[in-house]
Amino acid sequence: MALLEVKDLSIDLKQGGGTRRLVDGLSLEIFPGQALCLIGESGCGKSVTALSLTRLLSPQFSYGGGEILIDGADVLTMSDSMLRSIRGAKVSYVFQDPVAYINPVQRIGSQIMETLRLHRPEKANESRIVELLNLVGIPSPETRMRDFPHQMSGGMLQRVMIAMALASEPKLLVADEPTTALDVTIQAQILSLLGQLQQQLEMAVLLISHNLGVVEEFADHVAVMYAGQIVERGTTREVIDHPKHPYTAALLQAVPRLGVVCDKLETIPGQVPSAGIFPNGCRFHPRCTVAEPSCSDVPPLLESIGSGRLVRCPVQNPS
């Protein structure tokens, strides 16, 4: 059974006297021990989707339909007490900016201890804190646990956030753009660390990213998102080697490659549509190089093309 199953999820933003639909009919699933990457440009609805999984969205958002099942229980019908039992305990988050989520006036060890006392009180001791910091590769954990956040680098703080997320021993780790604020070397280290921990702890991971290049060696499966919809899903190897949706192909072409000399980097023409204000028909058609006249009128369905591949495009990439 899937650990997380999202079925036909829609999310609306209340604005003025009306609403805008930011996420439209999204479906995906993650099985225990599996790593799934949700890919797409900024503004496509990735982070809204991530926060919706445990109903962390602010009151200006509302759910327009669908189901979010964690271990078979629907998050959208849970009481507040039931939600508290899965937030942190079953599903933990690692966000992209550790400075915004770590208390600047509390020592690192105290913040990890707070998580342990809330979700794993039987392990709420300093030896467990040292074990967690050592697990995420922080040197001299006995000393660093007494540091304040300002005494650590951005890369170290990101590791601390991962340690805090792992303290509750979650079944699912949601990593929302966990390397955005870091330099390239530290990005590679953090992604490698997440991959090692995912395998070591047999934990499911949902990685949110705007860069298809960073997930090639990490994720088992990829779901590509554009303008609030999933446009392609499949195994990472299949999607990267043989992208079927023109948007996926365009994203891959925009990834710089070592050893390839070019006058300028590839880009996707046009602009990402404003959130909730999408074109008619296929939402990618104004930027698509293979669009046909019907693409501007008929909204394509997300359909199976065999071997577990799903594509929302009648004019598929020929690769």
C-alpha atoms as a PDB file:
ATOM      1  CA  MET A   1       0.000   0.000   0.000  1.00  0.00           C
ATOM      2  CA  ALA A   2       1.208   3.519  -0.772  1.00  0.00           C
ATOM      3  CA  LEU A   3       2.480   5.508   2.206  1.00  0.00           C
ATOM      4  CA  LEU A   4       1.221   8.722   0.601  1.00  0.00           C
ATOM      5  CA  GLU A   5      -1.506   8.815  -2.025  1.00  0.00           C
ATOM      6  CA  VAL A   6      -2.828  12.102  -3.392  1.00  0.00           C
ATOM      7  CA  LYS A   7      -5.970  11.770  -5.507  1.00  0.00           C
ATOM      8  CA  ASP A   8      -7.300  14.535  -7.763  1.00  0.00           C
ATOM      9  CA  LEU A   9      -6.245  17.280  -5.340  1.00  0.00           C
ATOM     10  CA  SER A  10      -7.255  20.879  -6.046  1.00  0.00           C
ATOM     11  CA  ILE A  11      -6.148  23.903  -4.004  1.00  0.00           C
ATOM     12  CA  ASP A  12      -7.648  27.393  -4.264  1.00  0.00           C
ATOM     13  CA  LEU A  13      -6.373  30.785  -3.126  1.00  0.00           C
ATOM     14  CA  LYS A  14      -8.958  33.186  -1.743  1.00  0.00           C
ATOM     15  CA  GLN A  15      -8.352  36.623  -3.221  1.00  0.00           C
ATOM     16  CA  GLY A  16     -10.660  39.598  -2.925  1.00  0.00           C
ATOM     17  CA  GLY A  17     -14.167  38.386  -3.584  1.00  0.00           C
ATOM     18  CA  GLY A  18     -13.135  35.290  -5.563  1.00  0.00           C
ATOM     19  CA  THR A  19     -10.684  32.435  -5.737  1.00  0.00           C
ATOM     20  CA  ARG A  20      -7.826  31.299  -7.953  1.00  0.00           C
ATOM     21  CA  ARG A  21      -7.134  27.601  -8.498  1.00  0.00           C
ATOM     22  CA  LEU A  22      -3.402  27.081  -7.905  1.00  0.00           C
ATOM     23  CA  VAL A  23      -3.295  23.274  -7.994  1.00  0.00           C
ATOM     24  CA  ASP A  24      -5.672  21.431 -10.280  1.00  0.00           C
ATOM     25  CA  GLY A  25      -6.438  17.704 -10.180  1.00  0.00           C
ATOM     26  CA  LEU A  26      -3.045  16.599  -8.865  1.00  0.00           C
ATOM     27  CA  SER A  27      -2.479  12.883  -8.242  1.00  0.00           C
ATOM     28  CA  LEU A  28       0.646  11.069  -7.103  1.00  0.00           C
ATOM     29  CA  GLU A  29       1.752   8.329  -4.743  1.00  0.00           C
ATOM     30  CA  ILE A  30       4.880   7.422  -2.781  1.00  0.00           C
ATOM     31  CA  PHE A  31       5.583   3.965  -1.411  1.00  0.00           C
ATOM     32  CA  PRO A  32       7.645   3.161   1.719  1.00  0.00           C
ATOM     33  CA  GLY A  33      11.355   3.600   1.039  1.00  0.00           C
ATOM     34  CA  GLN A  34      10.754   5.355  -2.286  1.00  0.00           C
ATOM     35  CA  ALA A  35      12.139   8.730  -3.381  1.00  0.00           C
ATOM     36  CA  LEU A  36       9.948  10.901  -5.608  1.00  0.00           C
ATOM     37  CA  CYS A  37      10.969  14.276  -6.999  1.00  0.00           C
ATOM     38  CA  LEU A  38       8.351  16.905  -7.833  1.00  0.00           C
ATOM     39  CA  ILE A  39       9.910  19.156 -10.487  1.00  0.00           C
ATOM     40  CA  GLY A  40       8.831  22.454 -12.016  1.00  0.00           C
ATOM     41  CA  GLU A  41       9.587  26.153 -12.373  1.00  0.00           C
ATOM     42  CA  SER A  42       8.966  28.577  -9.518  1.00  0.00           C
ATOM     43  CA  GLY A  43       5.274  29.373  -9.155  1.00  0.00           C
ATOM     44  CA  CYS A  44       3.913  26.102 -10.536  1.00  0.00           C
ATOM     45  CA  GLY A  45       2.449  24.968  -7.182  1.00  0.00           C
ATOM     46  CA  LYS A  46       5.143  22.647  -5.801  1.00  0.00           C
ATOM     47  CA  SER A  47       5.504  24.205  -2.350  1.00  0.00           C
ATOM     48  CA  VAL A  48       1.740  24.680  -1.979  1.00  0.00           C
ATOM     49  CA  THR A  49       1.359  20.970  -2.709  1.00  0.00           C
ATOM     50  CA  ALA A  50       4.036  20.071  -0.153  1.00  0.00           C
ATOM     51  CA  LEU A  51       2.435  22.125   2.619  1.00  0.00           C
ATOM     52  CA  SER A  52      -1.013  20.784   1.799  1.00  0.00           C
ATOM     53  CA  LEU A  53       0.038  17.212   2.630  1.00  0.00           C
ATOM     54  CA  THR A  54      -0.370  17.852   6.365  1.00  0.00           C
ATOM     55  CA  ARG A  55      -2.727  20.833   6.036  1.00  0.00           C
ATOM     56  CA  LEU A  56      -0.083  23.431   6.859  1.00  0.00           C
ATOM     57  CA  LEU A  57      -1.495  25.974   4.402  1.00  0.00           C
ATOM     58  CA  SER A  58      -2.661  29.308   5.816  1.00  0.00           C
ATOM     59  CA  PRO A  59      -6.428  30.098   6.006  1.00  0.00           C
ATOM     60  CA  GLN A  60      -6.346  32.038   2.715  1.00  0.00           C
ATOM     61  CA  PHE A  61      -6.011  28.685   0.944  1.00  0.00           C
ATOM     62  CA  SER A  62      -8.815  26.162   0.633  1.00  0.00           C
ATOM     63  CA  TYR A  63      -9.115  22.643  -0.704  1.00  0.00           C
ATOM     64  CA  GLY A  64     -11.266  22.444  -3.814  1.00  0.00           C
ATOM     65  CA  GLY A  65     -11.523  18.663  -3.843  1.00  0.00           C
ATOM     66  CA  GLY A  66      -9.620  15.410  -3.776  1.00  0.00           C
ATOM     67  CA  GLU A  67      -8.001  13.241  -1.112  1.00  0.00           C
ATOM     68  CA  ILE A  68      -4.651  13.125   0.681  1.00  0.00           C
ATOM     69  CA  LEU A  69      -4.154   9.667   2.144  1.00  0.00           C
ATOM     70  CA  ILE A  70      -1.333   8.917   4.595  1.00  0.00           C
ATOM     71  CA  ASP A  71      -1.276   5.249   5.567  1.00  0.00           C
ATOM     72  CA  GLY A  72      -4.811   5.095   4.167  1.00  0.00           C
ATOM     73  CA  ALA A  73      -6.226   7.902   6.364  1.00  0.00           C
ATOM     74  CA  ASP A  74      -7.521  11.060   4.647  1.00  0.00           C
ATOM     75  CA  VAL A  75      -5.723  14.163   5.932  1.00  0.00           C
ATOM     76  CA  LEU A  76      -8.533  16.415   4.685  1.00  0.00           C
ATOM     77  CA  THR A  77     -11.035  14.860   7.108  1.00  0.00           C
ATOM     78  CA  MET A  78      -8.729  14.614  10.157  1.00  0.00           C
ATOM     79  CA  SER A  79      -9.385  16.415  13.425  1.00  0.00           C
ATOM     80  CA  ASP A  80      -6.753  18.753  14.868  1.00  0.00           C
ATOM     81  CA  SER A  81      -5.571  16.083  17.300  1.00  0.00           C
ATOM     82  CA  MET A  82      -5.175  13.555  14.487  1.00  0.00           C
ATOM     83  CA  LEU A  83      -3.217  16.093  12.442  1.00  0.00           C
ATOM     84  CA  ARG A  84      -0.850  16.674  15.356  1.00  0.00           C
ATOM     85  CA  SER A  85      -0.239  12.935  15.482  1.00  0.00           C
ATOM     86  CA  ILE A  86       1.117  12.873  11.912  1.00  0.00           C
ATOM     87  CA  ARG A  87       2.868  16.261  11.689  1.00  0.00           C
ATOM     88  CA  GLY A  88       6.454  15.594  12.575  1.00  0.00           C
ATOM     89  CA  ALA A  89       5.768  12.041  13.712  1.00  0.00           C
ATOM     90  CA  LYS A  90       4.904  10.500  10.340  1.00  0.00           C
ATOM     91  CA  VAL A  91       5.707  13.383   8.003  1.00  0.00           C
ATOM     92  CA  SER A  92       8.622  15.775   8.581  1.00  0.00           C
ATOM     93  CA  TYR A  93       9.766  18.762   6.525  1.00  0.00           C
ATOM     94  CA  VAL A  94      13.108  20.213   5.497  1.00  0.00           C
ATOM     95  CA  PHE A  95      12.650  23.714   4.074  1.00  0.00           C
ATOM     96  CA  GLN A  96      14.879  25.699   1.729  1.00  0.00           C
ATOM     97  CA  ASP A  97      15.914  28.490   4.112  1.00  0.00           C
ATOM     98  CA  PRO A  98      17.119  27.121   7.472  1.00  0.00           C
ATOM     99  CA  VAL A  99      17.625  30.631   8.894  1.00  0.00           C
ATOM    100  CA  ALA A 100      13.868  31.253   8.638  1.00  0.00           C
ATOM    101  CA  TYR A 101      12.931  28.045  10.475  1.00  0.00           C
ATOM    102  CA  ILE A 102      15.586  27.730  13.195  1.00  0.00           C
ATOM    103  CA  ASN A 103      15.164  29.800  16.359  1.00  0.00           C
ATOM    104  CA  PRO A 104      18.131  32.211  16.465  1.00  0.00           C
ATOM    105  CA  VAL A 105      18.178  32.533  20.285  1.00  0.00           C
ATOM    106  CA  GLN A 106      18.129  28.840  21.205  1.00  0.00           C
ATOM    107  CA  ARG A 107      21.062  26.472  21.073  1.00  0.00           C
ATOM    108  CA  ILE A 108      21.010  23.794  18.386  1.00  0.00           C
ATOM    109  CA  GLY A 109      20.763  20.950  20.885  1.00  0.00           C
ATOM    110  CA  SER A 110      17.791  22.552  22.652  1.00  0.00           C
ATOM    111  CA  GLN A 111      15.833  22.762  19.418  1.00  0.00           C
ATOM    112  CA  ILE A 112      16.460  19.114  18.573  1.00  0.00           C
ATOM    113  CA  MET A 113      15.552  18.181  22.155  1.00  0.00           C
ATOM    114  CA  GLU A 114      12.188  19.943  21.724  1.00  0.00           C
ATOM    115  CA  THR A 115      11.390  17.700  18.756  1.00  0.00           C
ATOM    116  CA  LEU A 116      12.441  14.589  20.684  1.00  0.00           C
ATOM    117  CA  ARG A 117      10.322  15.483  23.709  1.00  0.00           C
ATOM    118  CA  LEU A 118       7.290  16.040  21.511  1.00  0.00           C
ATOM    119  CA  HIS A 119       7.534  12.982  19.256  1.00  0.00           C
ATOM    120  CA  ARG A 120      10.057  10.544  20.785  1.00  0.00           C
ATOM    121  CA  PRO A 121      10.108  11.264  24.551  1.00  0.00           C
ATOM    122  CA  GLU A 122      11.723   7.896  25.282  1.00  0.00           C
ATOM    123  CA  LYS A 123      14.809   9.097  23.360  1.00  0.00           C
ATOM    124  CA  ALA A 124      14.905  12.676  24.661  1.00  0.00           C
ATOM    125  CA  ASN A 125      18.492  12.770  25.886  1.00  0.00           C
ATOM    126  CA  GLU A 126      21.807  14.316  24.860  1.00  0.00           C
ATOM    127  CA  SER A 127      23.221  11.063  23.512  1.00  0.00           C
ATOM    128  CA  ARG A 128      20.404  10.935  20.931  1.00  0.00           C
ATOM    129  CA  ILE A 129      21.120  14.539  19.914  1.00  0.00           C
ATOM    130  CA  VAL A 130      24.790  13.655  19.415  1.00  0.00           C
ATOM    131  CA  GLU A 131      23.750  10.597  17.413  1.00  0.00           C
ATOM    132  CA  LEU A 132      21.505  12.665  15.127  1.00  0.00           C
ATOM    133  CA  LEU A 133      24.134  15.367  14.520  1.00  0.00           C
ATOM    134  CA  ASN A 134      26.703  12.682  13.785  1.00  0.00           C
ATOM    135  CA  LEU A 135      24.229  11.024  11.403  1.00  0.00           C
ATOM    136  CA  VAL A 136      23.977  14.183   9.284  1.00  0.00           C
ATOM    137  CA  GLY A 137      27.744  14.670   9.201  1.00  0.00           C
ATOM    138  CA  ILE A 138      28.312  17.483  11.701  1.00  0.00           C
ATOM    139  CA  PRO A 139      31.798  17.167  13.212  1.00  0.00           C
ATOM    140  CA  SER A 140      32.333  17.319  16.988  1.00  0.00           C
ATOM    141  CA  PRO A 141      28.600  16.990  17.681  1.00  0.00           C
ATOM    142  CA  GLU A 142      29.109  17.054  21.479  1.00  0.00           C
ATOM    143  CA  THR A 143      30.459  20.590  21.100  1.00  0.00           C
ATOM    144  CA  ARG A 144      28.359  21.864  18.177  1.00  0.00           C
ATOM    145  CA  MET A 145      25.083  20.941  19.882  1.00  0.00           C
ATOM    146  CA  ARG A 146      25.765  23.827  22.276  1.00  0.00           C
ATOM    147  CA  ASP A 147      26.251  26.345  19.457  1.00  0.00           C
ATOM    148  CA  PHE A 148      23.757  29.032  18.535  1.00  0.00           C
ATOM    149  CA  PRO A 149      22.589  29.136  14.886  1.00  0.00           C
ATOM    150  CA  HIS A 150      24.721  32.212  14.048  1.00  0.00           C
ATOM    151  CA  GLN A 151      27.823  30.161  14.856  1.00  0.00           C
ATOM    152  CA  MET A 152      27.112  27.775  11.981  1.00  0.00           C
ATOM    153  CA  SER A 153      27.383  28.077   8.201  1.00  0.00           C
ATOM    154  CA  GLY A 154      24.377  27.766   5.884  1.00  0.00           C
ATOM    155  CA  GLY A 155      25.351  24.212   4.975  1.00  0.00           C
ATOM    156  CA  MET A 156      25.670  23.217   8.637  1.00  0.00           C
ATOM    157  CA  LEU A 157      22.285  24.768   9.460  1.00  0.00           C
ATOM    158  CA  GLN A 158      20.705  22.782   6.636  1.00  0.00           C
ATOM    159  CA  ARG A 159      22.180  19.636   8.171  1.00  0.00           C
ATOM    160  CA  VAL A 160      20.740  20.674  11.542  1.00  0.00           C
ATOM    161  CA  MET A 161      17.304  21.038   9.933  1.00  0.00           C
ATOM    162  CA  ILE A 162      17.639  17.523   8.535  1.00  0.00           C
ATOM    163  CA  ALA A 163      18.637  16.243  11.983  1.00  0.00           C
ATOM    164  CA  MET A 164      15.575  17.925  13.516  1.00  0.00           C
ATOM    165  CA  ALA A 165      13.348  16.385  10.857  1.00  0.00           C
ATOM    166  CA  LEU A 166      14.830  12.927  11.444  1.00  0.00           C
ATOM    167  CA  ALA A 167      14.553  13.168  15.242  1.00  0.00           C
ATOM    168  CA  SER A 168      10.918  12.073  15.102  1.00  0.00           C
ATOM    169  CA  GLU A 169      11.815   9.073  12.875  1.00  0.00           C
ATOM    170  CA  PRO A 170       9.247   9.978  10.197  1.00  0.00           C
ATOM    171  CA  LYS A 171       7.984   7.620   7.545  1.00  0.00           C
ATOM    172  CA  LEU A 172       8.029  10.439   4.962  1.00  0.00           C
ATOM    173  CA  LEU A 173      10.511  13.302   4.659  1.00  0.00           C
ATOM    174  CA  VAL A 174       9.379  16.266   2.543  1.00  0.00           C
ATOM    175  CA  ALA A 175      12.426  18.241   1.377  1.00  0.00           C
ATOM    176  CA  ASP A 176      11.228  21.501  -0.184  1.00  0.00           C
ATOM    177  CA  GLU A 177      14.074  23.016  -2.243  1.00  0.00           C
ATOM    178  CA  PRO A 178      16.570  22.037   0.499  1.00  0.00           C
ATOM    179  CA  THR A 179      19.651  23.257  -1.414  1.00  0.00           C
ATOM    180  CA  THR A 180      18.469  26.529  -3.005  1.00  0.00           C
ATOM    181  CA  ALA A 181      20.419  28.880  -0.712  1.00  0.00           C
ATOM    182  CA  LEU A 182      23.633  26.821  -0.801  1.00  0.00           C
ATOM    183  CA  ASP A 183      26.644  26.861  -3.107  1.00  0.00           C
ATOM    184  CA  VAL A 184      27.083  24.055  -5.635  1.00  0.00           C
ATOM    185  CA  THR A 185      29.521  22.003  -3.546  1.00  0.00           C
ATOM    186  CA  ILE A 186      27.292  22.073  -0.461  1.00  0.00           C
ATOM    187  CA  GLN A 187      24.236  21.323  -2.634  1.00  0.00           C
ATOM    188  CA  ALA A 188      25.871  18.094  -3.792  1.00  0.00           C
ATOM    189  CA  GLN A 189      26.767  17.174  -0.200  1.00  0.00           C
ATOM    190  CA  ILE A 190      23.216  17.751   1.087  1.00  0.00           C
ATOM    191  CA  LEU A 191      21.619  15.761  -1.746  1.00  0.00           C
ATOM    192  CA  SER A 192      24.112  12.948  -1.231  1.00  0.00           C
ATOM    193  CA  LEU A 193      23.342  13.000   2.498  1.00  0.00           C
ATOM    194  CA  LEU A 194      19.577  12.819   1.881  1.00  0.00           C
ATOM    195  CA  GLY A 195      20.092   9.886  -0.472  1.00  0.00           C
ATOM    196  CA  GLN A 196      22.233   8.014   2.037  1.00  0.00           C
ATOM    197  CA  LEU A 197      19.765   8.620   4.880  1.00  0.00           C
ATOM    198  CA  GLN A 198      16.818   7.590   2.718  1.00  0.00           C
ATOM    199  CA  GLN A 199      18.483   4.255   1.992  1.00  0.00           C
ATOM    200  CA  GLN A 200      19.858   3.774   5.508  1.00  0.00           C
ATOM    201  CA  LEU A 201      16.588   4.536   7.298  1.00  0.00           C
ATOM    202  CA  GLU A 202      14.271   3.036   4.627  1.00  0.00           C
ATOM    203  CA  MET A 203      12.396   6.331   4.635  1.00  0.00           C
ATOM    204  CA  ALA A 204      10.236   7.713   1.827  1.00  0.00           C
ATOM    205  CA  VAL A 205      11.328  11.117   0.506  1.00  0.00           C
ATOM    206  CA  LEU A 206       9.444  13.727  -1.496  1.00  0.00           C
ATOM    207  CA  LEU A 207      12.019  16.123  -2.947  1.00  0.00           C
ATOM    208  CA  ILE A 208      10.693  19.428  -4.291  1.00  0.00           C
ATOM    209  CA  SER A 209      12.930  21.155  -6.843  1.00  0.00           C
ATOM    210  CA  HIS A 210      12.942  23.449  -9.871  1.00  0.00           C
ATOM    211  CA  ASN A 211      16.097  21.836 -11.270  1.00  0.00           C
ATOM    212  CA  LEU A 212      15.792  18.490 -13.024  1.00  0.00           C
ATOM    213  CA  GLY A 213      19.568  18.194 -13.049  1.00  0.00           C
ATOM    214  CA  VAL A 214      19.861  17.748  -9.277  1.00  0.00           C
ATOM    215  CA  VAL A 215      17.636  14.671  -8.993  1.00  0.00           C
ATOM    216  CA  GLU A 216      19.115  12.333 -11.591  1.00  0.00           C
ATOM    217  CA  GLU A 217      21.090  10.380  -8.998  1.00  0.00           C
ATOM    218  CA  PHE A 218      18.594  10.798  -6.143  1.00  0.00           C
ATOM    219  CA  ALA A 219      14.981  10.041  -7.034  1.00  0.00           C
ATOM    220  CA  ASP A 220      13.375   6.755  -8.091  1.00  0.00           C
ATOM    221  CA  HIS A 221      10.492   8.536  -9.775  1.00  0.00           C
ATOM    222  CA  VAL A 222       9.820  12.029 -11.109  1.00  0.00           C
ATOM    223  CA  ALA A 223       6.606  14.014 -11.412  1.00  0.00           C
ATOM    224  CA  VAL A 224       6.915  17.126 -13.600  1.00  0.00           C
ATOM    225  CA  MET A 225       4.582  19.994 -12.680  1.00  0.00           C
ATOM    226  CA  TYR A 226       3.551  22.999 -14.757  1.00  0.00           C
ATOM    227  CA  ALA A 227       0.928  25.665 -13.980  1.00  0.00           C
ATOM    228  CA  GLY A 228      -0.705  23.680 -11.196  1.00  0.00           C
ATOM    229  CA  GLN A 229      -0.874  20.335 -13.019  1.00  0.00           C
ATOM    230  CA  ILE A 230       1.262  17.217 -13.339  1.00  0.00           C
ATOM    231  CA  VAL A 231       2.306  17.018 -16.999  1.00  0.00           C
ATOM    232  CA  GLU A 232       4.515  13.906 -16.863  1.00  0.00           C
ATOM    233  CA  ARG A 233       5.262  11.086 -14.422  1.00  0.00           C
ATOM    234  CA  GLY A 234       7.551   8.079 -14.607  1.00  0.00           C
ATOM    235  CA  THR A 235      10.773   6.566 -13.358  1.00  0.00           C
ATOM    236  CA  THR A 236      13.658   8.998 -13.198  1.00  0.00           C
ATOM    237  CA  ARG A 237      15.679   7.100 -15.765  1.00  0.00           C
ATOM    238  CA  GLU A 238      12.812   6.957 -18.285  1.00  0.00           C
ATOM    239  CA  VAL A 239      11.854  10.615 -17.874  1.00  0.00           C
ATOM    240  CA  ILE A 240      15.429  11.878 -18.184  1.00  0.00           C
ATOM    241  CA  ASP A 241      16.435   9.576 -21.053  1.00  0.00           C
ATOM    242  CA  HIS A 242      13.162   9.781 -22.979  1.00  0.00           C
ATOM    243  CA  PRO A 243      11.076  12.825 -21.971  1.00  0.00           C
ATOM    244  CA  LYS A 244       7.647  12.734 -23.591  1.00  0.00           C
ATOM    245  CA  HIS A 245       6.130  16.073 -22.633  1.00  0.00           C
ATOM    246  CA  PRO A 246       7.597  19.098 -24.479  1.00  0.00           C
ATOM    247  CA  TYR A 247       7.963  20.933 -21.165  1.00  0.00           C
ATOM    248  CA  THR A 248      10.056  18.129 -19.665  1.00  0.00           C
ATOM    249  CA  ALA A 249      12.229  18.054 -22.784  1.00  0.00           C
ATOM    250  CA  ALA A 250      12.688  21.838 -22.584  1.00  0.00           C
ATOM    251  CA  LEU A 251      13.691  21.652 -18.912  1.00  0.00           C
ATOM    252  CA  LEU A 252      16.314  19.028 -19.710  1.00  0.00           C
ATOM    253  CA  GLN A 253      17.709  21.063 -22.597  1.00  0.00           C
ATOM    254  CA  ALA A 254      18.148  24.008 -20.230  1.00  0.00           C
ATOM    255  CA  VAL A 255      20.431  22.049 -17.870  1.00  0.00           C
ATOM    256  CA  PRO A 256      24.114  23.019 -18.417  1.00  0.00           C
ATOM    257  CA  ARG A 257      26.421  20.070 -19.106  1.00  0.00           C
ATOM    258  CA  LEU A 258      30.101  19.715 -18.295  1.00  0.00           C
ATOM    259  CA  GLY A 259      32.302  19.529 -21.373  1.00  0.00           C
ATOM    260  CA  VAL A 260      29.659  20.966 -23.709  1.00  0.00           C
ATOM    261  CA  VAL A 261      30.686  24.322 -25.181  1.00  0.00           C
ATOM    262  CA  CYS A 262      27.896  26.615 -26.397  1.00  0.00           C
ATOM    263  CA  ASP A 263      27.430  30.307 -27.158  1.00  0.00           C
ATOM    264  CA  LYS A 264      24.450  30.612 -24.823  1.00  0.00           C
ATOM    265  CA  LEU A 265      22.366  28.403 -22.573  1.00  0.00           C
ATOM    266  CA  GLU A 266      19.063  27.008 -23.778  1.00  0.00           C
ATOM    267  CA  THR A 267      15.956  28.688 -22.375  1.00  0.00           C
ATOM    268  CA  ILE A 268      12.214  28.084 -22.544  1.00  0.00           C
ATOM    269  CA  PRO A 269      10.558  30.906 -24.501  1.00  0.00           C
ATOM    270  CA  GLY A 270       7.834  33.012 -22.939  1.00  0.00           C
ATOM    271  CA  GLN A 271       6.867  33.384 -19.286  1.00  0.00           C
ATOM    272  CA  VAL A 272       5.397  31.119 -16.628  1.00  0.00           C
ATOM    273  CA  PRO A 273       1.693  32.066 -16.312  1.00  0.00           C
ATOM    274  CA  SER A 274       0.695  33.873 -13.135  1.00  0.00           C
ATOM    275  CA  ALA A 275      -0.552  31.574 -10.395  1.00  0.00           C
ATOM    276  CA  GLY A 276      -4.189  30.735 -10.979  1.00  0.00           C
ATOM    277  CA  ILE A 277      -4.378  32.665 -14.259  1.00  0.00           C
ATOM    278  CA  PHE A 278      -3.787  29.978 -16.834  1.00  0.00           C
ATOM    279  CA  PRO A 279      -4.319  29.942 -20.620  1.00  0.00           C
ATOM    280  CA  ASN A 280      -7.116  27.910 -22.189  1.00  0.00           C
ATOM    281  CA  GLY A 281      -6.424  24.454 -23.530  1.00  0.00           C
ATOM    282  CA  CYS A 282      -2.980  23.110 -22.779  1.00  0.00           C
ATOM    283  CA  ARG A 283      -1.409  25.435 -20.231  1.00  0.00           C
ATOM    284  CA  PHE A 284       2.018  25.079 -21.845  1.00  0.00           C
ATOM    285  CA  HIS A 285       0.906  25.751 -25.416  1.00  0.00           C
ATOM    286  CA  PRO A 286       1.954  29.465 -25.543  1.00  0.00           C
ATOM    287  CA  ARG A 287       5.556  28.392 -24.871  1.00  0.00           C
ATOM    288  CA  CYS A 288       5.527  25.057 -26.708  1.00  0.00           C
ATOM    289  CA  THR A 289       7.529  24.639 -29.927  1.00  0.00           C
ATOM    290  CA  VAL A 290       5.407  21.709 -31.172  1.00  0.00           C
ATOM    291  CA  ALA A 291       1.934  23.021 -30.295  1.00  0.00           C
ATOM    292  CA  GLU A 292      -0.900  22.458 -32.767  1.00  0.00           C
ATOM    293  CA  PRO A 293      -3.952  24.731 -33.227  1.00  0.00           C
ATOM    294  CA  SER A 294      -6.132  22.431 -31.103  1.00  0.00           C
ATOM    295  CA  CYS A 295      -3.744  22.800 -28.156  1.00  0.00           C
ATOM    296  CA  SER A 296      -5.130  26.255 -27.418  1.00  0.00           C
ATOM    297  CA  ASP A 297      -8.694  24.950 -27.126  1.00  0.00           C
ATOM    298  CA  VAL A 298      -8.708  21.396 -25.749  1.00  0.00           C
ATOM    299  CA  PRO A 299      -7.306  20.765 -22.236  1.00  0.00           C
ATOM    300  CA  PRO A 300      -5.233  17.542 -22.476  1.00  0.00           C
ATOM    301  CA  LEU A 301      -5.740  14.695 -20.025  1.00  0.00           C
ATOM    302  CA  LEU A 302      -2.976  13.003 -18.058  1.00  0.00           C
ATOM    303  CA  GLU A 303      -2.957   9.644 -19.855  1.00  0.00           C
ATOM    304  CA  SER A 304      -0.951   6.445 -19.585  1.00  0.00           C
ATOM    305  CA  ILE A 305       1.475   5.622 -22.393  1.00  0.00           C
ATOM    306  CA  GLY A 306       2.499   2.285 -20.873  1.00  0.00           C
ATOM    307  CA  SER A 307       5.101   1.070 -18.359  1.00  0.00           C
ATOM    308  CA  GLY A 308       3.761   3.388 -15.673  1.00  0.00           C
ATOM    309  CA  ARG A 309       4.410   6.544 -17.719  1.00  0.00           C
ATOM    310  CA  LEU A 310       1.796   9.301 -17.623  1.00  0.00           C
ATOM    311  CA  VAL A 311       1.836  12.271 -20.013  1.00  0.00           C
ATOM    312  CA  ARG A 312      -0.507  15.250 -20.414  1.00  0.00           C
ATOM    313  CA  CYS A 313       0.091  15.901 -24.112  1.00  0.00           C
ATOM    314  CA  PRO A 314      -1.403  14.579 -27.384  1.00  0.00           C
ATOM    315  CA  VAL A 315       1.643  15.927 -29.295  1.00  0.00           C
ATOM    316  CA  GLN A 316       4.411  14.099 -27.449  1.00  0.00           C
ATOM    317  CA  ASN A 317       8.125  14.681 -27.691  1.00  0.00           C
ATOM    318  CA  PRO A 318       9.418  12.130 -30.258  1.00  0.00           C
ATOM    319  CA  SER A 319      12.534  11.099 -28.266  1.00  0.00           C
END
